[in-house]
């Protein structure tokens, strides 16, 4: 590979026994082609490695799901079957390890999808519950409002839903005359002490005509037992 394609990198690489390899450069935009299909990858350049090229975990992540067979790794890309053959005859133990790894990864991918679906439906259920709760609150508010209007405020004269609903004006009947209202007078018996007290106040002008619209006439009955007679007619 010409050195003009080398790029500095800080990536690290180690062997299976955790020994660090010397890594200084990497090559990007490398295409791995097989059966007319090319897969873009980047490679780390290692100076102390006997094998020419190793396709590791990043390559397997791109081609999964895949199957491990005796002749190599098979997968489908764009509905086309591709076989990546092994450089050396595989050991049975290594093939079984790759099979286990493939099944393990597939299981966890499916498990993640199941969890994602469960989370999605849980969010939908929570959203629906919130909406249902909001509708119930609105129904309760409307019910309370109607109850106040119909059962509490309907008998009040100044209810703001039906202003002046209970306001009426006189007279109730045709040919109504105020003087025809039947009134009664109520005599109030006065004691000697109270009679003496009123006479004194009248003489001293302590009791005089009132200009109040709520005033009414009072008649002093001197024959027999002294009594005050109050005419309530103006108050009616």
Protein backbone atom coordinates (compact mmCIF):
# COMPACT_ATOMS: atom_id res chain seq x y z
CA UNK A 1 0.00 0.00 0.00
CA UNK A 2 1.52 3.38 -0.97
CA UNK A 3 2.40 5.47 2.07
CA UNK A 4 0.44 8.43 0.70
CA UNK A 5 -2.75 6.64 1.81
CA UNK A 6 -1.51 6.26 5.40
CA UNK A 7 -3.19 8.30 8.13
CA UNK A 8 -2.06 8.80 11.69
CA UNK A 9 -4.23 7.08 14.29
CA UNK A 10 -4.40 6.64 18.06
CA UNK A 11 -6.35 3.38 17.84
CA UNK A 12 -5.00 0.39 19.73
CA UNK A 13 -4.96 -3.31 18.86
CA UNK A 14 -4.03 -6.31 20.96
CA UNK A 15 -3.65 -10.03 20.43
CA UNK A 16 -5.78 -12.76 21.97
CA UNK A 17 -3.39 -12.97 24.93
CA UNK A 18 -3.78 -9.19 25.52
CA UNK A 19 -0.38 -8.21 24.09
CA UNK A 20 -0.45 -4.76 22.52
CA UNK A 21 0.56 -4.48 18.88
CA UNK A 22 2.43 -1.52 17.42
CA UNK A 23 -0.08 0.69 15.61
CA UNK A 24 0.86 3.99 14.00
CA UNK A 25 -1.24 4.33 10.88
CA UNK A 26 -4.55 3.32 9.36
CA UNK A 27 -5.95 3.18 5.84
CA UNK A 28 -9.51 4.41 5.23
CA UNK A 29 -11.88 3.96 2.31
CA UNK A 30 -10.79 0.39 1.64
CA UNK A 31 -13.31 -1.70 -0.30
CA UNK A 32 -13.60 -5.44 0.27
CA UNK A 33 -15.16 -6.92 -2.87
CA UNK A 34 -16.69 -10.38 -3.25
CA UNK A 35 -19.06 -11.68 -5.93
CA UNK A 36 -19.37 -8.16 -7.37
CA UNK A 37 -20.43 -6.59 -4.04
CA UNK A 38 -18.02 -4.22 -2.27
CA UNK A 39 -18.06 -3.37 1.43
CA UNK A 40 -16.31 -0.21 2.63
CA UNK A 41 -13.93 -0.68 5.58
CA UNK A 42 -10.92 0.89 7.25
CA UNK A 43 -7.80 -1.08 8.25
CA UNK A 44 -5.29 -0.55 11.02
CA UNK A 45 -1.69 -1.06 9.89
CA UNK A 46 0.33 -3.25 12.24
CA UNK A 47 4.09 -3.84 11.82
CA UNK A 48 4.47 -6.95 14.00
CA UNK A 49 1.75 -9.21 12.61
CA UNK A 50 2.50 -12.32 10.53
CA UNK A 51 -0.96 -12.59 8.87
CA UNK A 52 -1.52 -10.21 5.95
CA UNK A 53 -5.15 -9.16 6.57
CA UNK A 54 -7.57 -9.91 9.39
CA UNK A 55 -11.27 -9.18 8.97
CA UNK A 56 -12.41 -8.69 12.51
CA UNK A 57 -15.48 -7.60 14.46
CA UNK A 58 -16.30 -4.45 12.43
CA UNK A 59 -16.56 -6.54 9.26
CA UNK A 60 -18.77 -9.13 10.96
CA UNK A 61 -21.07 -6.35 12.26
CA UNK A 62 -21.68 -5.21 8.67
CA UNK A 63 -22.48 -8.62 7.16
CA UNK A 64 -24.64 -10.00 9.99
CA UNK A 65 -26.73 -12.06 10.14
CA UNK A 66 -24.32 -14.67 8.83
CA UNK A 67 -23.77 -18.42 9.02
CA UNK A 68 -20.51 -20.17 9.78
CA UNK A 69 -19.77 -23.28 7.73
CA UNK A 70 -16.75 -25.45 7.14
CA UNK A 71 -15.75 -23.62 3.98
CA UNK A 72 -16.27 -20.13 5.42
CA UNK A 73 -18.81 -17.49 6.46
CA UNK A 74 -21.96 -17.05 4.32
CA UNK A 75 -24.36 -14.13 4.29
CA UNK A 76 -26.85 -12.35 2.03
CA UNK A 77 -26.37 -8.78 0.84
CA UNK A 78 -28.96 -7.27 -1.52
CA UNK A 79 -30.55 -10.74 -1.78
CA UNK A 80 -27.27 -12.16 -3.12
CA UNK A 81 -25.50 -14.99 -1.36
CA UNK A 82 -21.83 -14.29 -0.54
CA UNK A 83 -19.21 -16.71 0.77
CA UNK A 84 -16.14 -15.42 2.61
CA UNK A 85 -13.76 -18.40 2.60
CA UNK A 86 -11.21 -19.12 5.28
CA UNK A 87 -7.49 -18.72 4.43
CA UNK A 88 -6.66 -21.87 6.38
CA UNK A 89 -8.60 -24.98 7.20
CA UNK A 90 -10.58 -24.12 10.33
CA UNK A 91 -10.36 -26.01 13.55
CA UNK A 92 -13.68 -27.44 14.68
CA UNK A 93 -13.40 -25.66 18.01
CA UNK A 94 -13.05 -22.28 16.31
CA UNK A 95 -16.07 -22.91 14.07
CA UNK A 96 -18.22 -23.83 17.05
CA UNK A 97 -17.03 -20.67 18.80
CA UNK A 98 -18.07 -18.54 15.81
CA UNK A 99 -21.44 -20.29 15.67
CA UNK A 100 -21.97 -19.61 19.38
CA UNK A 101 -20.97 -15.99 18.92
CA UNK A 102 -23.35 -15.61 15.97
CA UNK A 103 -26.28 -17.10 17.88
CA UNK A 104 -25.42 -15.03 20.94
CA UNK A 105 -25.41 -11.79 18.93
CA UNK A 106 -28.64 -12.68 17.13
CA UNK A 107 -30.35 -13.49 20.42
CA UNK A 108 -29.41 -10.13 21.91
CA UNK A 109 -30.42 -8.25 18.77
CA UNK A 110 -33.86 -9.87 18.97
CA UNK A 111 -34.03 -9.16 22.71
CA UNK A 112 -33.24 -5.48 22.12
CA UNK A 113 -36.00 -5.30 19.47
CA UNK A 114 -38.48 -6.87 21.89
CA UNK A 115 -37.53 -4.34 24.59
CA UNK A 116 -37.83 -1.47 22.13
CA UNK A 117 -41.32 -2.62 21.08
CA UNK A 118 -42.32 -3.04 24.72
CA UNK A 119 -41.05 0.48 25.51
CA UNK A 120 -42.94 1.92 22.53
CA UNK A 121 -46.25 0.31 23.51
CA UNK A 122 -45.72 1.33 27.14
CA UNK A 123 -45.27 4.96 26.08
CA UNK A 124 -48.42 4.71 23.95
CA UNK A 125 -50.38 3.28 26.87
CA UNK A 126 -49.16 6.03 29.22
CA UNK A 127 -50.11 8.68 26.64
CA UNK A 128 -53.59 7.15 26.25
CA UNK A 129 -54.03 7.00 30.02
CA UNK A 130 -53.10 10.68 30.35
CA UNK A 131 -55.56 11.62 27.61
CA UNK A 132 -58.29 9.53 29.23
CA UNK A 133 -57.59 11.16 32.61
CA UNK A 134 -57.80 14.65 31.07
CA UNK A 135 -61.15 13.81 29.46
CA UNK A 136 -62.46 12.51 32.78
CA UNK A 137 -61.39 15.74 34.51
CA UNK A 138 -63.17 17.81 31.83
CA UNK A 139 -66.33 15.72 32.23
CA UNK A 140 -66.22 16.20 36.01
CA UNK A 141 -65.80 19.97 35.61
CA UNK A 142 -68.73 20.14 33.17
CA UNK A 143 -70.84 18.01 35.50
CA UNK A 144 -70.04 20.27 38.48
CA UNK A 145 -70.84 23.38 36.45
CA UNK A 146 -74.21 22.00 35.34
CA UNK A 147 -74.98 20.93 38.89
CA UNK A 148 -74.26 24.45 40.19
CA UNK A 149 -76.39 26.03 37.46
CA UNK A 150 -79.35 23.68 37.84
CA UNK A 151 -79.43 22.97 41.57
CA UNK A 152 -77.65 25.80 43.35
CA UNK A 153 -77.98 28.99 41.34
CA UNK A 154 -81.39 28.50 39.73
CA UNK A 155 -83.22 29.95 42.75
CA UNK A 156 -80.98 32.98 43.15
CA UNK A 157 -82.32 36.23 41.68
CA UNK A 158 -78.96 37.50 40.43
CA UNK A 159 -77.49 34.33 38.95
CA UNK A 160 -75.14 35.40 36.16
CA UNK A 161 -76.10 32.54 33.81
CA UNK A 162 -79.66 33.92 33.53
CA UNK A 163 -79.46 37.55 34.55
CA UNK A 164 -82.80 39.12 35.54
CA UNK A 165 -84.48 35.76 35.12
CA UNK A 166 -86.34 36.17 38.42
CA UNK A 167 -86.81 39.95 38.22
CA UNK A 168 -90.46 41.01 37.92
CA UNK A 169 -92.15 44.37 37.92
CA UNK A 170 -95.41 45.58 39.49
CA UNK A 171 -98.28 45.52 39.03
CA UNK A 172 -99.11 41.84 38.75
CA UNK A 173 -102.72 42.49 37.67
CA UNK A 174 -104.49 44.82 35.29
CA UNK A 175 -106.24 47.90 36.81
CA UNK A 176 -104.01 47.66 39.85
CA UNK A 177 -104.31 50.61 42.29
CA UNK A 178 -101.91 51.10 45.14
CA UNK A 179 -104.67 52.34 47.46
CA UNK A 180 -106.49 48.99 47.12
CA UNK A 181 -103.80 47.18 49.08
CA UNK A 182 -105.35 45.88 52.29
CA UNK A 183 -103.41 46.95 55.37
CA UNK A 184 -103.84 46.51 59.04
CA UNK A 185 -103.07 48.78 61.95
CA UNK A 186 -101.67 47.44 65.14
CA UNK A 187 -102.33 49.29 68.41
CA UNK A 188 -99.48 49.28 70.89
CA UNK A 189 -100.54 49.69 74.54
CA UNK A 190 -98.53 52.28 76.45
CA UNK A 191 -97.70 52.24 80.14
CA UNK A 192 -98.01 55.31 82.35
CA UNK A 193 -94.24 55.70 82.44
CA UNK A 194 -93.93 55.47 78.62
CA UNK A 195 -96.81 57.94 78.12
CA UNK A 196 -95.16 60.45 80.42
CA UNK A 197 -91.86 60.01 78.61
CA UNK A 198 -93.38 60.62 75.13
CA UNK A 199 -95.33 63.71 76.31
CA UNK A 200 -92.13 65.21 77.66
CA UNK A 201 -90.24 64.56 74.42
CA UNK A 202 -93.07 66.06 72.33
CA UNK A 203 -93.11 69.20 74.50
CA UNK A 204 -89.35 69.55 74.25
CA UNK A 205 -89.55 68.98 70.46
CA UNK A 206 -87.33 65.92 70.73
CA UNK A 207 -89.81 64.06 68.54
CA UNK A 208 -90.39 65.84 65.22
CA UNK A 209 -91.56 64.86 61.71
CA UNK A 210 -89.13 62.60 59.84
CA UNK A 211 -88.14 63.05 56.18
CA UNK A 212 -87.12 59.42 55.74
CA UNK A 213 -88.89 57.52 52.89
CA UNK A 214 -89.41 54.69 55.37
CA UNK A 215 -91.30 56.84 57.89
CA UNK A 216 -94.96 56.16 58.67
CA UNK A 217 -97.72 57.85 60.63
CA UNK A 218 -98.30 57.10 64.31
CA UNK A 219 -101.60 57.94 66.02
CA UNK A 220 -101.82 58.45 69.75
CA UNK A 221 -105.09 57.11 71.15
CA UNK A 222 -105.89 58.85 74.43
CA UNK A 223 -109.38 57.48 75.07
CA UNK A 224 -109.46 54.61 77.48
CA UNK A 225 -106.06 53.03 77.78
CA UNK A 226 -103.44 55.21 76.02
CA UNK A 227 -102.22 53.46 72.87
CA UNK A 228 -100.05 54.16 69.82
CA UNK A 229 -101.58 53.14 66.48
CA UNK A 230 -99.02 52.69 63.65
CA UNK A 231 -100.13 52.77 60.01
CA UNK A 232 -97.92 50.29 58.08
CA UNK A 233 -99.59 50.97 54.73
CA UNK A 234 -96.76 53.14 53.26
CA UNK A 235 -94.32 50.34 53.97
CA UNK A 236 -96.32 47.86 51.85
